[in-house]
Amino acid sequence: MDDLRMGMICATLANCFRDPKKHRDPFQPIDFMPWAKKQDAGERPAFEDPADQAQYDALALFGIDLNRLKALGKRRYVAKRGKRGNNDAME
């Protein structure tokens, strides 16, 4: 999550000073994360089961394993900001 935030800051600054003649397309946060794979918007997997799609989205976006929380008997999931700014604390 911190990498994405820094990528957003870098992309914003780069786009402020971008020369549209040299770089036609605006910079994206992923452009400033060399260890991350670039993924086209069309490559997002689609699942037939809505529960599988929710599990994928929760892991990809928030790092939350819904199946693990469901196994613990939790029906409601509330992400709270931790002391360091992490969304570690779960209700």
Protein backbone atom coordinates (compact mmCIF):
# COMPACT_ATOMS: atom_id res chain seq x y z
CA MET A 1 0.00 0.00 0.00
CA ASP A 2 2.84 2.38 0.80
CA ASP A 3 4.39 1.67 -2.60
CA LEU A 4 1.15 2.67 -4.28
CA ARG A 5 0.96 5.90 -2.30
CA MET A 6 4.51 6.85 -3.23
CA GLY A 7 3.82 5.91 -6.84
CA MET A 8 0.82 8.24 -6.82
CA ILE A 9 2.94 11.10 -5.48
CA CYS A 10 5.68 10.48 -8.06
CA ALA A 11 3.14 10.20 -10.90
CA THR A 12 1.47 13.45 -9.84
CA LEU A 13 4.77 15.31 -9.77
CA ALA A 14 5.91 13.80 -13.06
CA ASN A 15 2.61 14.71 -14.72
CA CYS A 16 2.91 18.30 -13.47
CA PHE A 17 6.21 18.69 -15.29
CA ARG A 18 5.51 16.30 -18.19
CA ASP A 19 6.16 17.49 -21.72
CA PRO A 20 3.12 16.25 -23.71
CA LYS A 21 5.20 16.23 -26.88
CA LYS A 22 7.68 13.72 -25.43
CA HIS A 23 5.30 11.72 -23.21
CA ARG A 24 1.88 11.69 -24.75
CA ASP A 25 0.26 9.45 -22.13
CA PRO A 26 0.19 10.56 -18.49
CA PHE A 27 2.38 8.71 -16.01
CA GLN A 28 0.74 6.08 -13.80
CA PRO A 29 1.79 5.04 -10.26
CA ILE A 30 2.98 1.66 -11.60
CA ASP A 31 5.54 3.50 -13.76
CA PHE A 32 7.45 4.35 -10.56
CA MET A 33 7.44 0.83 -9.12
CA PRO A 34 10.03 -1.09 -11.17
CA TRP A 35 9.55 -4.29 -9.14
CA ALA A 36 5.83 -4.43 -9.94
CA LYS A 37 4.52 -5.99 -13.12
CA LYS A 38 2.57 -3.73 -15.42
CA GLN A 39 -0.89 -5.12 -15.98
CA ASP A 40 -3.38 -3.98 -18.58
CA ALA A 41 -6.86 -3.14 -17.39
CA GLY A 42 -8.24 -5.97 -19.52
CA GLU A 43 -6.19 -8.63 -17.68
CA ARG A 44 -8.27 -8.58 -14.49
CA PRO A 45 -9.62 -12.09 -13.96
CA ALA A 46 -13.36 -12.52 -13.90
CA PHE A 47 -14.87 -15.22 -11.71
CA GLU A 48 -18.29 -16.80 -12.17
CA ASP A 49 -18.85 -17.09 -8.42
CA PRO A 50 -19.33 -13.67 -6.75
CA ALA A 51 -17.71 -15.00 -3.55
CA ASP A 52 -14.52 -15.87 -5.47
CA GLN A 53 -14.52 -12.43 -7.09
CA ALA A 54 -14.92 -10.77 -3.67
CA GLN A 55 -12.06 -12.88 -2.27
CA TYR A 56 -9.80 -11.86 -5.17
CA ASP A 57 -10.69 -8.17 -4.87
CA ALA A 58 -10.24 -8.10 -1.08
CA LEU A 59 -6.79 -9.72 -1.35
CA ALA A 60 -5.67 -7.58 -4.28
CA LEU A 61 -6.89 -4.24 -2.96
CA PHE A 62 -6.71 -4.53 0.81
CA GLY A 63 -4.68 -7.65 1.61
CA ILE A 64 -7.64 -9.14 3.48
CA ASP A 65 -8.22 -12.90 3.26
CA LEU A 66 -12.01 -13.23 3.45
CA ASN A 67 -11.91 -17.04 3.57
CA ARG A 68 -9.64 -16.96 6.65
CA LEU A 69 -11.91 -14.48 8.41
CA LYS A 70 -14.98 -16.51 7.49
CA ALA A 71 -13.32 -19.62 8.96
CA LEU A 72 -12.84 -17.66 12.19
CA GLY A 73 -16.60 -17.05 12.29
CA LYS A 74 -16.48 -13.36 11.41
CA ARG A 75 -19.42 -12.19 9.33
CA ARG A 76 -18.68 -8.47 9.39
CA TYR A 77 -15.36 -7.03 8.27
CA VAL A 78 -14.33 -3.52 9.25
CA ALA A 79 -10.82 -2.36 8.39
CA LYS A 80 -9.43 0.05 10.96
CA ARG A 81 -6.30 2.11 10.65
CA GLY A 82 -3.53 0.80 12.90
CA LYS A 83 -0.92 2.85 14.76
CA ARG A 84 1.47 2.89 11.77
CA GLY A 85 -1.23 3.62 9.24
CA ASN A 86 -1.73 -0.03 8.36
CA ASN A 87 -5.15 -1.59 8.02
CA ASP A 88 -4.10 -4.48 10.24
CA ALA A 89 -6.74 -4.23 12.93
CA MET A 90 -9.84 -6.16 11.94
CA GLU A 91 -13.11 -6.26 13.81
